[in-house]
Amino acid sequence: MTRRPILSEGTGPVLAILALLLTALAFAGPAYTGPDGYLALLERAAPLMVLAVGQYFVIVSGGFDLSVGSLVTAGVVVAARLLGGDDARTWWVIALLLVAGCLVGLANGLITTRLGVPSFITTLAMLLVLDGAVFLWTGGAPRGALSDSFRALGREGVDVPWLGQVSWSVVLLAAVLAGALLFMRSRTGRTLLAVGDNETAVRLAGGGTARLRSLAFVLSGGLAALAAVLLAGFAGVSAQIGQGLEFRAITAVVLGGVLLGGGRGSVVAAAAGALSLEALFSLLNLAGVSGALQSAVQGAIIIAAVAYAARRRLRPSRPAFPRPRSTSRQGEAT
């Protein structure tokens, strides 16, 4: 019998990186000498961590979702236009955003699986469609205003003993992580992971590969809509609020050791990768490094993580037991 590992493969390294970055923050700035600073960091990272969880579902199934950043922008702009500052509209607008996000994900999934268009091309086209629709609707300047109850999800919270006020975004993040963990431990989640590893084998075994990959895109779209709600409450309304978030989410997932191409990775590691990325950028800001270098840092992380994963994949595994000597050579020796 073999013991099941406590942490999935790839989780240990990113947790070590995260611990190192959090320790460095404690020495870099006085704001991180207590729990308040780290709670503020987690609050800032919550939208990206939610996006990374959604991106994780798509990547482990063998695809990409480049539309999530534009979906965040569209969600924020649409929410501001529909709300108009009216608190009475808050909950139905949030429900509408979540449904719309899932429908965009469903469209990505159906185009990818039914029409055979690569997910990279499908979601890139959806990114352009959403950007064009937002610009056409707003004329380049968002209109309307978010209601106070809508913004409360990103700004207010609940009091927790010994920690103080914990933002609702952190609470929702914890719920998303718990749900993602339960999903990946279910039969559907394990089969989704298998689709990314060997889609042909799953299809021959009777698994609905198209349905599962479409489900991954639906989850990614729904979580992108949730990230839009959290980010709007924290940062306000902007026509560029989601710009570049798709690449940050991919960088976070790759930093978490999730294998591009699918089949390997942990949802905890993906979320830890997003938190590590936010901690790294906070550390660079405290060190006085220009924010313009963030894109270069993301590119370097993607190259290094993919190269490391490729080397591990190509490295020959050692046999569990020593190979027996050839009988013909033994005869020659005697």
C-alpha atoms as a PDB file:
ATOM      1  CA  MET A   1       0.000   0.000   0.000  1.00  0.00           C
ATOM      2  CA  THR A   2       1.185   3.527  -0.788  1.00  0.00           C
ATOM      3  CA  ARG A   3       0.436   6.585   1.287  1.00  0.00           C
ATOM      4  CA  ARG A   4      -1.376   9.438  -0.410  1.00  0.00           C
ATOM      5  CA  PRO A   5       0.746  12.625  -0.393  1.00  0.00           C
ATOM      6  CA  ILE A   6      -0.506  15.462   1.785  1.00  0.00           C
ATOM      7  CA  LEU A   7       0.221  18.057  -0.903  1.00  0.00           C
ATOM      8  CA  SER A   8      -0.304  17.597  -4.621  1.00  0.00           C
ATOM      9  CA  GLU A   9       2.692  17.672  -6.920  1.00  0.00           C
ATOM     10  CA  GLY A  10       3.938  21.226  -7.471  1.00  0.00           C
ATOM     11  CA  THR A  11       2.262  22.678  -4.374  1.00  0.00           C
ATOM     12  CA  GLY A  12       5.316  22.515  -2.112  1.00  0.00           C
ATOM     13  CA  PRO A  13       7.594  24.805  -4.186  1.00  0.00           C
ATOM     14  CA  VAL A  14       5.042  27.583  -4.616  1.00  0.00           C
ATOM     15  CA  LEU A  15       4.175  27.495  -0.899  1.00  0.00           C
ATOM     16  CA  ALA A  16       7.891  27.839  -0.134  1.00  0.00           C
ATOM     17  CA  ILE A  17       8.109  30.820  -2.523  1.00  0.00           C
ATOM     18  CA  LEU A  18       5.035  32.378  -0.905  1.00  0.00           C
ATOM     19  CA  ALA A  19       6.474  31.951   2.590  1.00  0.00           C
ATOM     20  CA  LEU A  20       9.740  33.572   1.461  1.00  0.00           C
ATOM     21  CA  LEU A  21       7.924  36.539  -0.084  1.00  0.00           C
ATOM     22  CA  LEU A  22       5.699  37.061   2.967  1.00  0.00           C
ATOM     23  CA  THR A  23       8.775  37.004   5.196  1.00  0.00           C
ATOM     24  CA  ALA A  24      10.515  39.527   2.958  1.00  0.00           C
ATOM     25  CA  LEU A  25       7.483  41.821   3.170  1.00  0.00           C
ATOM     26  CA  ALA A  26       7.734  41.788   6.959  1.00  0.00           C
ATOM     27  CA  PHE A  27      11.237  43.273   6.670  1.00  0.00           C
ATOM     28  CA  ALA A  28      10.459  45.593   3.743  1.00  0.00           C
ATOM     29  CA  GLY A  29       7.664  47.683   5.215  1.00  0.00           C
ATOM     30  CA  PRO A  30       6.108  48.516   8.608  1.00  0.00           C
ATOM     31  CA  ALA A  31       2.610  47.743   7.259  1.00  0.00           C
ATOM     32  CA  TYR A  32       3.384  44.018   7.372  1.00  0.00           C
ATOM     33  CA  THR A  33       4.455  43.772  10.985  1.00  0.00           C
ATOM     34  CA  GLY A  34       0.942  42.635  11.988  1.00  0.00           C
ATOM     35  CA  PRO A  35      -1.972  40.686  10.550  1.00  0.00           C
ATOM     36  CA  ASP A  36      -3.679  43.813   9.164  1.00  0.00           C
ATOM     37  CA  GLY A  37      -1.089  44.219   6.422  1.00  0.00           C
ATOM     38  CA  TYR A  38      -1.372  40.603   5.305  1.00  0.00           C
ATOM     39  CA  LEU A  39      -5.179  40.765   5.351  1.00  0.00           C
ATOM     40  CA  ALA A  40      -4.975  43.843   3.117  1.00  0.00           C
ATOM     41  CA  LEU A  41      -2.656  41.911   0.784  1.00  0.00           C
ATOM     42  CA  LEU A  42      -5.102  39.011   0.674  1.00  0.00           C
ATOM     43  CA  GLU A  43      -7.949  41.430  -0.028  1.00  0.00           C
ATOM     44  CA  ARG A  44      -6.044  42.953  -2.961  1.00  0.00           C
ATOM     45  CA  ALA A  45      -5.147  39.505  -4.273  1.00  0.00           C
ATOM     46  CA  ALA A  46      -8.649  38.014  -3.908  1.00  0.00           C
ATOM     47  CA  PRO A  47      -9.920  38.939  -7.424  1.00  0.00           C
ATOM     48  CA  LEU A  48      -6.754  37.574  -9.052  1.00  0.00           C
ATOM     49  CA  MET A  49      -6.916  34.399  -6.956  1.00  0.00           C
ATOM     50  CA  VAL A  50     -10.541  33.855  -8.019  1.00  0.00           C
ATOM     51  CA  LEU A  51      -9.501  34.349 -11.657  1.00  0.00           C
ATOM     52  CA  ALA A  52      -6.595  31.927 -11.188  1.00  0.00           C
ATOM     53  CA  VAL A  53      -8.941  29.229  -9.887  1.00  0.00           C
ATOM     54  CA  GLY A  54     -11.121  29.633 -12.986  1.00  0.00           C
ATOM     55  CA  GLN A  55      -8.075  29.624 -15.263  1.00  0.00           C
ATOM     56  CA  TYR A  56      -6.865  26.488 -13.483  1.00  0.00           C
ATOM     57  CA  PHE A  57      -9.974  24.561 -14.527  1.00  0.00           C
ATOM     58  CA  VAL A  58      -9.403  25.448 -18.178  1.00  0.00           C
ATOM     59  CA  ILE A  59      -5.646  24.829 -18.231  1.00  0.00           C
ATOM     60  CA  VAL A  60      -5.766  21.428 -16.515  1.00  0.00           C
ATOM     61  CA  SER A  61      -8.357  20.361 -19.089  1.00  0.00           C
ATOM     62  CA  GLY A  62      -5.924  21.252 -21.874  1.00  0.00           C
ATOM     63  CA  GLY A  63      -7.029  24.763 -22.897  1.00  0.00           C
ATOM     64  CA  PHE A  64      -6.555  28.496 -22.372  1.00  0.00           C
ATOM     65  CA  ASP A  65      -8.980  31.286 -21.524  1.00  0.00           C
ATOM     66  CA  LEU A  66      -7.754  34.680 -22.714  1.00  0.00           C
ATOM     67  CA  SER A  67     -11.178  36.316 -22.435  1.00  0.00           C
ATOM     68  CA  VAL A  68     -11.345  36.681 -18.640  1.00  0.00           C
ATOM     69  CA  GLY A  69      -9.719  40.124 -18.480  1.00  0.00           C
ATOM     70  CA  SER A  70     -12.172  41.592 -21.000  1.00  0.00           C
ATOM     71  CA  LEU A  71     -15.007  39.797 -19.215  1.00  0.00           C
ATOM     72  CA  VAL A  72     -14.016  41.537 -15.976  1.00  0.00           C
ATOM     73  CA  THR A  73     -14.007  44.926 -17.713  1.00  0.00           C
ATOM     74  CA  ALA A  74     -17.371  44.253 -19.352  1.00  0.00           C
ATOM     75  CA  GLY A  75     -18.847  43.142 -16.028  1.00  0.00           C
ATOM     76  CA  VAL A  76     -17.747  46.297 -14.211  1.00  0.00           C
ATOM     77  CA  VAL A  77     -18.912  48.638 -16.975  1.00  0.00           C
ATOM     78  CA  VAL A  78     -22.275  46.889 -17.362  1.00  0.00           C
ATOM     79  CA  ALA A  79     -22.815  46.871 -13.575  1.00  0.00           C
ATOM     80  CA  ALA A  80     -22.201  50.609 -13.326  1.00  0.00           C
ATOM     81  CA  ARG A  81     -24.572  51.316 -16.213  1.00  0.00           C
ATOM     82  CA  LEU A  82     -27.372  49.107 -14.874  1.00  0.00           C
ATOM     83  CA  LEU A  83     -27.041  50.084 -11.230  1.00  0.00           C
ATOM     84  CA  GLY A  84     -26.958  53.849 -11.596  1.00  0.00           C
ATOM     85  CA  GLY A  85     -26.154  54.065  -7.887  1.00  0.00           C
ATOM     86  CA  ASP A  86     -29.434  52.390  -6.892  1.00  0.00           C
ATOM     87  CA  ASP A  87     -29.034  49.938  -3.987  1.00  0.00           C
ATOM     88  CA  ALA A  88     -32.337  48.223  -4.840  1.00  0.00           C
ATOM     89  CA  ARG A  89     -30.822  46.862  -8.066  1.00  0.00           C
ATOM     90  CA  THR A  90     -27.676  45.395  -6.505  1.00  0.00           C
ATOM     91  CA  TRP A  91     -28.531  41.726  -6.145  1.00  0.00           C
ATOM     92  CA  TRP A  92     -30.275  41.191  -9.445  1.00  0.00           C
ATOM     93  CA  VAL A  93     -27.403  42.951 -11.237  1.00  0.00           C
ATOM     94  CA  ILE A  94     -24.893  40.654  -9.500  1.00  0.00           C
ATOM     95  CA  ALA A  95     -26.981  37.626 -10.492  1.00  0.00           C
ATOM     96  CA  LEU A  96     -27.132  38.903 -14.075  1.00  0.00           C
ATOM     97  CA  LEU A  97     -23.345  39.332 -14.187  1.00  0.00           C
ATOM     98  CA  LEU A  98     -22.759  35.789 -12.933  1.00  0.00           C
ATOM     99  CA  VAL A  99     -25.184  34.321 -15.471  1.00  0.00           C
ATOM    100  CA  ALA A 100     -23.651  36.388 -18.285  1.00  0.00           C
ATOM    101  CA  GLY A 101     -20.157  35.225 -17.304  1.00  0.00           C
ATOM    102  CA  CYS A 102     -21.258  31.594 -17.402  1.00  0.00           C
ATOM    103  CA  LEU A 103     -22.891  32.136 -20.812  1.00  0.00           C
ATOM    104  CA  VAL A 104     -19.684  33.646 -22.216  1.00  0.00           C
ATOM    105  CA  GLY A 105     -17.786  30.641 -20.854  1.00  0.00           C
ATOM    106  CA  LEU A 106     -20.348  28.304 -22.405  1.00  0.00           C
ATOM    107  CA  ALA A 107     -19.898  30.013 -25.775  1.00  0.00           C
ATOM    108  CA  ASN A 108     -16.122  29.589 -25.482  1.00  0.00           C
ATOM    109  CA  GLY A 109     -16.556  25.924 -24.591  1.00  0.00           C
ATOM    110  CA  LEU A 110     -19.005  25.106 -27.381  1.00  0.00           C
ATOM    111  CA  ILE A 111     -16.943  26.861 -30.047  1.00  0.00           C
ATOM    112  CA  THR A 112     -13.823  25.048 -28.863  1.00  0.00           C
ATOM    113  CA  THR A 113     -15.313  21.572 -28.511  1.00  0.00           C
ATOM    114  CA  ARG A 114     -18.067  21.497 -31.152  1.00  0.00           C
ATOM    115  CA  LEU A 115     -16.463  23.550 -33.909  1.00  0.00           C
ATOM    116  CA  GLY A 116     -12.916  22.369 -33.239  1.00  0.00           C
ATOM    117  CA  VAL A 117     -11.450  25.865 -32.908  1.00  0.00           C
ATOM    118  CA  PRO A 118      -8.370  25.923 -30.626  1.00  0.00           C
ATOM    119  CA  SER A 119      -9.184  27.508 -27.274  1.00  0.00           C
ATOM    120  CA  PHE A 120      -6.389  30.055 -27.713  1.00  0.00           C
ATOM    121  CA  ILE A 121      -8.037  31.396 -30.888  1.00  0.00           C
ATOM    122  CA  THR A 122     -11.583  31.133 -29.506  1.00  0.00           C
ATOM    123  CA  THR A 123     -10.909  33.084 -26.338  1.00  0.00           C
ATOM    124  CA  LEU A 124      -8.692  35.609 -28.128  1.00  0.00           C
ATOM    125  CA  ALA A 125     -11.606  36.318 -30.486  1.00  0.00           C
ATOM    126  CA  MET A 126     -13.969  36.581 -27.493  1.00  0.00           C
ATOM    127  CA  LEU A 127     -11.550  39.067 -25.902  1.00  0.00           C
ATOM    128  CA  LEU A 128     -11.773  41.242 -29.014  1.00  0.00           C
ATOM    129  CA  VAL A 129     -15.562  40.898 -29.172  1.00  0.00           C
ATOM    130  CA  LEU A 130     -15.995  41.962 -25.537  1.00  0.00           C
ATOM    131  CA  ASP A 131     -13.548  44.854 -25.867  1.00  0.00           C
ATOM    132  CA  GLY A 132     -15.349  46.108 -28.964  1.00  0.00           C
ATOM    133  CA  ALA A 133     -18.772  45.750 -27.350  1.00  0.00           C
ATOM    134  CA  VAL A 134     -17.684  47.666 -24.250  1.00  0.00           C
ATOM    135  CA  PHE A 135     -16.166  50.476 -26.316  1.00  0.00           C
ATOM    136  CA  LEU A 136     -19.243  50.662 -28.564  1.00  0.00           C
ATOM    137  CA  TRP A 137     -21.610  50.825 -25.584  1.00  0.00           C
ATOM    138  CA  THR A 138     -19.645  53.347 -23.539  1.00  0.00           C
ATOM    139  CA  GLY A 139     -17.892  55.369 -26.229  1.00  0.00           C
ATOM    140  CA  GLY A 140     -14.664  54.902 -24.286  1.00  0.00           C
ATOM    141  CA  ALA A 141     -15.990  56.465 -21.059  1.00  0.00           C
ATOM    142  CA  PRO A 142     -17.989  54.322 -18.601  1.00  0.00           C
ATOM    143  CA  ARG A 143     -21.311  55.758 -17.494  1.00  0.00           C
ATOM    144  CA  GLY A 144     -23.406  55.245 -14.395  1.00  0.00           C
ATOM    145  CA  ALA A 145     -22.297  54.513 -10.849  1.00  0.00           C
ATOM    146  CA  LEU A 146     -21.960  51.554  -8.537  1.00  0.00           C
ATOM    147  CA  SER A 147     -24.283  51.334  -5.555  1.00  0.00           C
ATOM    148  CA  ASP A 148     -22.964  51.386  -1.999  1.00  0.00           C
ATOM    149  CA  SER A 149     -24.179  47.841  -1.321  1.00  0.00           C
ATOM    150  CA  PHE A 150     -22.411  46.627  -4.470  1.00  0.00           C
ATOM    151  CA  ARG A 151     -19.124  48.213  -3.427  1.00  0.00           C
ATOM    152  CA  ALA A 152     -19.520  46.811   0.085  1.00  0.00           C
ATOM    153  CA  LEU A 153     -18.507  43.369  -1.208  1.00  0.00           C
ATOM    154  CA  GLY A 154     -15.047  44.711  -2.010  1.00  0.00           C
ATOM    155  CA  ARG A 155     -14.654  47.200   0.835  1.00  0.00           C
ATOM    156  CA  GLU A 156     -16.533  46.066   3.930  1.00  0.00           C
ATOM    157  CA  GLY A 157     -16.318  42.834   5.868  1.00  0.00           C
ATOM    158  CA  VAL A 158     -17.058  40.882   9.009  1.00  0.00           C
ATOM    159  CA  ASP A 159     -15.313  41.133  12.384  1.00  0.00           C
ATOM    160  CA  VAL A 160     -13.240  38.080  13.315  1.00  0.00           C
ATOM    161  CA  PRO A 161     -11.632  37.647  16.772  1.00  0.00           C
ATOM    162  CA  TRP A 162      -7.844  38.278  16.832  1.00  0.00           C
ATOM    163  CA  LEU A 163      -7.889  39.310  13.177  1.00  0.00           C
ATOM    164  CA  GLY A 164     -10.163  42.330  13.114  1.00  0.00           C
ATOM    165  CA  GLN A 165     -12.303  43.027  10.077  1.00  0.00           C
ATOM    166  CA  VAL A 166     -12.029  40.437   7.311  1.00  0.00           C
ATOM    167  CA  SER A 167     -13.244  41.677   3.928  1.00  0.00           C
ATOM    168  CA  TRP A 168     -16.200  39.993   2.246  1.00  0.00           C
ATOM    169  CA  SER A 169     -13.917  39.422  -0.739  1.00  0.00           C
ATOM    170  CA  VAL A 170     -11.690  37.252   1.449  1.00  0.00           C
ATOM    171  CA  VAL A 171     -14.736  35.351   2.725  1.00  0.00           C
ATOM    172  CA  LEU A 172     -15.958  34.756  -0.841  1.00  0.00           C
ATOM    173  CA  LEU A 173     -12.440  33.697  -1.848  1.00  0.00           C
ATOM    174  CA  ALA A 174     -12.418  31.097   0.932  1.00  0.00           C
ATOM    175  CA  ALA A 175     -15.785  29.803  -0.276  1.00  0.00           C
ATOM    176  CA  VAL A 176     -14.496  29.576  -3.871  1.00  0.00           C
ATOM    177  CA  LEU A 177     -11.386  27.675  -2.776  1.00  0.00           C
ATOM    178  CA  ALA A 178     -13.421  25.268  -0.652  1.00  0.00           C
ATOM    179  CA  GLY A 179     -15.824  24.629  -3.520  1.00  0.00           C
ATOM    180  CA  ALA A 180     -12.967  24.142  -5.996  1.00  0.00           C
ATOM    181  CA  LEU A 181     -11.249  21.648  -3.697  1.00  0.00           C
ATOM    182  CA  LEU A 182     -14.446  19.643  -3.261  1.00  0.00           C
ATOM    183  CA  PHE A 183     -15.064  19.724  -7.010  1.00  0.00           C
ATOM    184  CA  MET A 184     -11.567  18.480  -7.884  1.00  0.00           C
ATOM    185  CA  ARG A 185     -11.903  15.647  -5.364  1.00  0.00           C
ATOM    186  CA  SER A 186     -15.171  14.547  -6.954  1.00  0.00           C
ATOM    187  CA  ARG A 187     -15.414  12.093  -9.807  1.00  0.00           C
ATOM    188  CA  THR A 188     -16.123  14.903 -12.280  1.00  0.00           C
ATOM    189  CA  GLY A 189     -13.074  16.860 -11.148  1.00  0.00           C
ATOM    190  CA  ARG A 190     -10.763  13.853 -11.410  1.00  0.00           C
ATOM    191  CA  THR A 191     -12.104  13.103 -14.873  1.00  0.00           C
ATOM    192  CA  LEU A 192     -11.533  16.739 -15.891  1.00  0.00           C
ATOM    193  CA  LEU A 193      -7.914  16.350 -14.843  1.00  0.00           C
ATOM    194  CA  ALA A 194      -7.691  13.141 -16.852  1.00  0.00           C
ATOM    195  CA  VAL A 195      -9.032  14.907 -19.953  1.00  0.00           C
ATOM    196  CA  GLY A 196      -6.033  17.221 -19.910  1.00  0.00           C
ATOM    197  CA  ASP A 197      -3.662  14.312 -19.401  1.00  0.00           C
ATOM    198  CA  ASN A 198      -5.059  11.960 -22.070  1.00  0.00           C
ATOM    199  CA  GLU A 199      -8.252  13.070 -23.794  1.00  0.00           C
ATOM    200  CA  THR A 200      -8.306  10.049 -26.099  1.00  0.00           C
ATOM    201  CA  ALA A 201      -8.198   7.585 -23.215  1.00  0.00           C
ATOM    202  CA  VAL A 202     -11.067   9.363 -21.438  1.00  0.00           C
ATOM    203  CA  ARG A 203     -13.127   9.366 -24.636  1.00  0.00           C
ATOM    204  CA  LEU A 204     -12.520   5.649 -25.216  1.00  0.00           C
ATOM    205  CA  ALA A 205     -13.521   4.978 -21.601  1.00  0.00           C
ATOM    206  CA  GLY A 206     -16.878   6.631 -22.221  1.00  0.00           C
ATOM    207  CA  GLY A 207     -16.166  10.019 -20.642  1.00  0.00           C
ATOM    208  CA  GLY A 208     -17.847  13.112 -22.092  1.00  0.00           C
ATOM    209  CA  THR A 209     -14.724  15.083 -22.940  1.00  0.00           C
ATOM    210  CA  ALA A 210     -16.571  17.877 -24.785  1.00  0.00           C
ATOM    211  CA  ARG A 211     -18.996  18.311 -21.896  1.00  0.00           C
ATOM    212  CA  LEU A 212     -16.208  18.432 -19.327  1.00  0.00           C
ATOM    213  CA  ARG A 213     -14.083  20.930 -21.245  1.00  0.00           C
ATOM    214  CA  SER A 214     -17.143  23.120 -21.778  1.00  0.00           C
ATOM    215  CA  LEU A 215     -17.821  22.919 -18.036  1.00  0.00           C
ATOM    216  CA  ALA A 216     -14.292  24.190 -17.372  1.00  0.00           C
ATOM    217  CA  PHE A 217     -14.938  27.268 -19.538  1.00  0.00           C
ATOM    218  CA  VAL A 218     -18.292  27.864 -17.829  1.00  0.00           C
ATOM    219  CA  LEU A 219     -16.608  27.802 -14.412  1.00  0.00           C
ATOM    220  CA  SER A 220     -13.906  30.159 -15.659  1.00  0.00           C
ATOM    221  CA  GLY A 221     -16.478  32.614 -17.012  1.00  0.00           C
ATOM    222  CA  GLY A 222     -18.565  32.539 -13.842  1.00  0.00           C
ATOM    223  CA  LEU A 223     -15.522  33.118 -11.634  1.00  0.00           C
ATOM    224  CA  ALA A 224     -14.383  35.961 -13.900  1.00  0.00           C
ATOM    225  CA  ALA A 225     -17.765  37.618 -13.326  1.00  0.00           C
ATOM    226  CA  LEU A 226     -17.338  37.158  -9.565  1.00  0.00           C
ATOM    227  CA  ALA A 227     -13.844  38.669  -9.792  1.00  0.00           C
ATOM    228  CA  ALA A 228     -15.402  41.661 -11.578  1.00  0.00           C
ATOM    229  CA  VAL A 229     -17.780  42.189  -8.655  1.00  0.00           C
ATOM    230  CA  LEU A 230     -14.945  42.032  -6.121  1.00  0.00           C
ATOM    231  CA  LEU A 231     -12.595  44.214  -8.155  1.00  0.00           C
ATOM    232  CA  ALA A 232     -15.241  46.856  -8.817  1.00  0.00           C
ATOM    233  CA  GLY A 233     -15.998  47.115  -5.119  1.00  0.00           C
ATOM    234  CA  PHE A 234     -12.317  47.557  -4.352  1.00  0.00           C
ATOM    235  CA  ALA A 235     -11.096  49.707  -7.247  1.00  0.00           C
ATOM    236  CA  GLY A 236     -14.174  51.386  -8.729  1.00  0.00           C
ATOM    237  CA  VAL A 237     -15.240  51.774 -12.372  1.00  0.00           C
ATOM    238  CA  SER A 238     -12.758  51.977 -15.239  1.00  0.00           C
ATOM    239  CA  ALA A 239     -12.740  50.948 -18.893  1.00  0.00           C
ATOM    240  CA  GLN A 240      -9.273  49.421 -18.361  1.00  0.00           C
ATOM    241  CA  ILE A 241      -9.909  47.703 -15.032  1.00  0.00           C
ATOM    242  CA  GLY A 242      -9.478  44.180 -16.431  1.00  0.00           C
ATOM    243  CA  GLN A 243      -6.679  44.932 -18.869  1.00  0.00           C
ATOM    244  CA  GLY A 244      -3.913  42.333 -18.629  1.00  0.00           C
ATOM    245  CA  LEU A 245      -5.672  40.254 -15.966  1.00  0.00           C
ATOM    246  CA  GLU A 246      -5.826  37.227 -18.287  1.00  0.00           C
ATOM    247  CA  PHE A 247      -2.032  37.136 -18.459  1.00  0.00           C
ATOM    248  CA  ARG A 248      -1.702  37.645 -14.711  1.00  0.00           C
ATOM    249  CA  ALA A 249      -4.040  34.707 -14.125  1.00  0.00           C
ATOM    250  CA  ILE A 250      -2.052  32.477 -16.484  1.00  0.00           C
ATOM    251  CA  THR A 251       1.196  33.580 -14.834  1.00  0.00           C
ATOM    252  CA  ALA A 252      -0.236  32.763 -11.405  1.00  0.00           C
ATOM    253  CA  VAL A 253      -1.347  29.300 -12.518  1.00  0.00           C
ATOM    254  CA  VAL A 254       2.017  28.555 -14.125  1.00  0.00           C
ATOM    255  CA  LEU A 255       3.840  29.851 -11.036  1.00  0.00           C
ATOM    256  CA  GLY A 256       1.731  27.388  -9.051  1.00  0.00           C
ATOM    257  CA  GLY A 257       3.262  24.505 -11.006  1.00  0.00           C
ATOM    258  CA  VAL A 258       0.201  23.744 -13.131  1.00  0.00           C
ATOM    259  CA  LEU A 259       1.362  22.113 -16.360  1.00  0.00           C
ATOM    260  CA  LEU A 260       0.473  23.995 -19.532  1.00  0.00           C
ATOM    261  CA  GLY A 261      -1.260  21.491 -21.766  1.00  0.00           C
ATOM    262  CA  GLY A 262      -3.239  19.983 -18.897  1.00  0.00           C
ATOM    263  CA  GLY A 263      -3.292  16.916 -16.734  1.00  0.00           C
ATOM    264  CA  ARG A 264      -1.129  18.119 -13.837  1.00  0.00           C
ATOM    265  CA  GLY A 265      -1.635  20.701 -11.115  1.00  0.00           C
ATOM    266  CA  SER A 266      -3.330  21.660  -7.876  1.00  0.00           C
ATOM    267  CA  VAL A 267      -6.024  24.284  -7.346  1.00  0.00           C
ATOM    268  CA  VAL A 268      -4.358  25.258  -4.046  1.00  0.00           C
ATOM    269  CA  ALA A 269      -1.079  25.807  -5.883  1.00  0.00           C
ATOM    270  CA  ALA A 270      -2.813  27.972  -8.505  1.00  0.00           C
ATOM    271  CA  ALA A 271      -4.324  30.190  -5.807  1.00  0.00           C
ATOM    272  CA  ALA A 272      -0.996  30.318  -3.957  1.00  0.00           C
ATOM    273  CA  GLY A 273       0.661  31.340  -7.223  1.00  0.00           C
ATOM    274  CA  ALA A 274      -1.727  34.294  -7.523  1.00  0.00           C
ATOM    275  CA  LEU A 275      -1.045  35.379  -3.934  1.00  0.00           C
ATOM    276  CA  SER A 276       2.706  34.987  -4.526  1.00  0.00           C
ATOM    277  CA  LEU A 277       2.464  37.184  -7.623  1.00  0.00           C
ATOM    278  CA  GLU A 278       0.630  39.909  -5.701  1.00  0.00           C
ATOM    279  CA  ALA A 279       3.155  39.667  -2.852  1.00  0.00           C
ATOM    280  CA  LEU A 280       6.025  39.934  -5.347  1.00  0.00           C
ATOM    281  CA  PHE A 281       4.580  43.086  -6.920  1.00  0.00           C
ATOM    282  CA  SER A 282       3.995  44.593  -3.471  1.00  0.00           C
ATOM    283  CA  LEU A 283       7.605  43.846  -2.561  1.00  0.00           C
ATOM    284  CA  LEU A 284       8.843  45.445  -5.786  1.00  0.00           C
ATOM    285  CA  ASN A 285       6.758  48.557  -5.081  1.00  0.00           C
ATOM    286  CA  LEU A 286       8.192  48.833  -1.568  1.00  0.00           C
ATOM    287  CA  ALA A 287      11.690  48.447  -3.027  1.00  0.00           C
ATOM    288  CA  GLY A 288      11.036  51.350  -5.399  1.00  0.00           C
ATOM    289  CA  VAL A 289      11.113  49.245  -8.561  1.00  0.00           C
ATOM    290  CA  SER A 290       9.135  50.723 -11.449  1.00  0.00           C
ATOM    291  CA  GLY A 291       5.694  49.224 -12.028  1.00  0.00           C
ATOM    292  CA  ALA A 292       6.497  49.084 -15.744  1.00  0.00           C
ATOM    293  CA  LEU A 293       8.651  46.030 -15.030  1.00  0.00           C
ATOM    294  CA  GLN A 294       5.657  43.952 -13.914  1.00  0.00           C
ATOM    295  CA  SER A 295       4.999  42.654 -17.437  1.00  0.00           C
ATOM    296  CA  ALA A 296       8.668  41.712 -17.807  1.00  0.00           C
ATOM    297  CA  VAL A 297       8.538  39.887 -14.472  1.00  0.00           C
ATOM    298  CA  GLN A 298       5.421  37.981 -15.566  1.00  0.00           C
ATOM    299  CA  GLY A 299       7.092  36.943 -18.819  1.00  0.00           C
ATOM    300  CA  ALA A 300      10.211  35.772 -17.006  1.00  0.00           C
ATOM    301  CA  ILE A 301       8.100  33.748 -14.545  1.00  0.00           C
ATOM    302  CA  ILE A 302       6.216  32.021 -17.375  1.00  0.00           C
ATOM    303  CA  ILE A 303       9.422  31.113 -19.230  1.00  0.00           C
ATOM    304  CA  ALA A 304      11.168  29.854 -16.082  1.00  0.00           C
ATOM    305  CA  ALA A 305       8.174  27.844 -14.823  1.00  0.00           C
ATOM    306  CA  VAL A 306       7.461  26.229 -18.194  1.00  0.00           C
ATOM    307  CA  ALA A 307      11.140  25.392 -18.728  1.00  0.00           C
ATOM    308  CA  TYR A 308      11.340  23.847 -15.251  1.00  0.00           C
ATOM    309  CA  ALA A 309       8.197  21.784 -15.857  1.00  0.00           C
ATOM    310  CA  ALA A 310       9.508  20.615 -19.241  1.00  0.00           C
ATOM    311  CA  ARG A 311      12.812  19.478 -17.733  1.00  0.00           C
ATOM    312  CA  ARG A 312      10.995  17.560 -14.998  1.00  0.00           C
ATOM    313  CA  ARG A 313       8.742  15.911 -17.562  1.00  0.00           C
ATOM    314  CA  LEU A 314      11.663  14.803 -19.751  1.00  0.00           C
ATOM    315  CA  ARG A 315      13.825  13.632 -16.847  1.00  0.00           C
ATOM    316  CA  PRO A 316      13.977   9.806 -16.826  1.00  0.00           C
ATOM    317  CA  SER A 317      12.565   8.219 -13.700  1.00  0.00           C
ATOM    318  CA  ARG A 318      14.742   5.915 -11.651  1.00  0.00           C
ATOM    319  CA  PRO A 319      13.655   2.297 -11.408  1.00  0.00           C
ATOM    320  CA  ALA A 320      12.200   1.278  -8.075  1.00  0.00           C
ATOM    321  CA  PHE A 321      14.393  -1.855  -7.945  1.00  0.00           C
ATOM    322  CA  PRO A 322      17.848  -2.556  -9.405  1.00  0.00           C
ATOM    323  CA  ARG A 323      17.811  -4.296 -12.737  1.00  0.00           C
ATOM    324  CA  PRO A 324      18.890  -7.936 -12.682  1.00  0.00           C
ATOM    325  CA  ARG A 325      22.055  -8.806 -14.517  1.00  0.00           C
ATOM    326  CA  SER A 326      21.738 -10.387 -17.912  1.00  0.00           C
ATOM    327  CA  THR A 327      21.897 -14.225 -17.780  1.00  0.00           C
ATOM    328  CA  SER A 328      24.137 -14.347 -20.841  1.00  0.00           C
ATOM    329  CA  ARG A 329      26.719 -12.098 -19.189  1.00  0.00           C
ATOM    330  CA  GLN A 330      26.549 -14.189 -16.037  1.00  0.00           C
ATOM    331  CA  GLY A 331      27.346 -17.279 -18.105  1.00  0.00           C
ATOM    332  CA  GLU A 332      30.296 -15.572 -19.742  1.00  0.00           C
ATOM    333  CA  ALA A 333      31.620 -14.522 -16.350  1.00  0.00           C
ATOM    334  CA  THR A 334      31.485 -18.068 -15.030  1.00  0.00           C
END
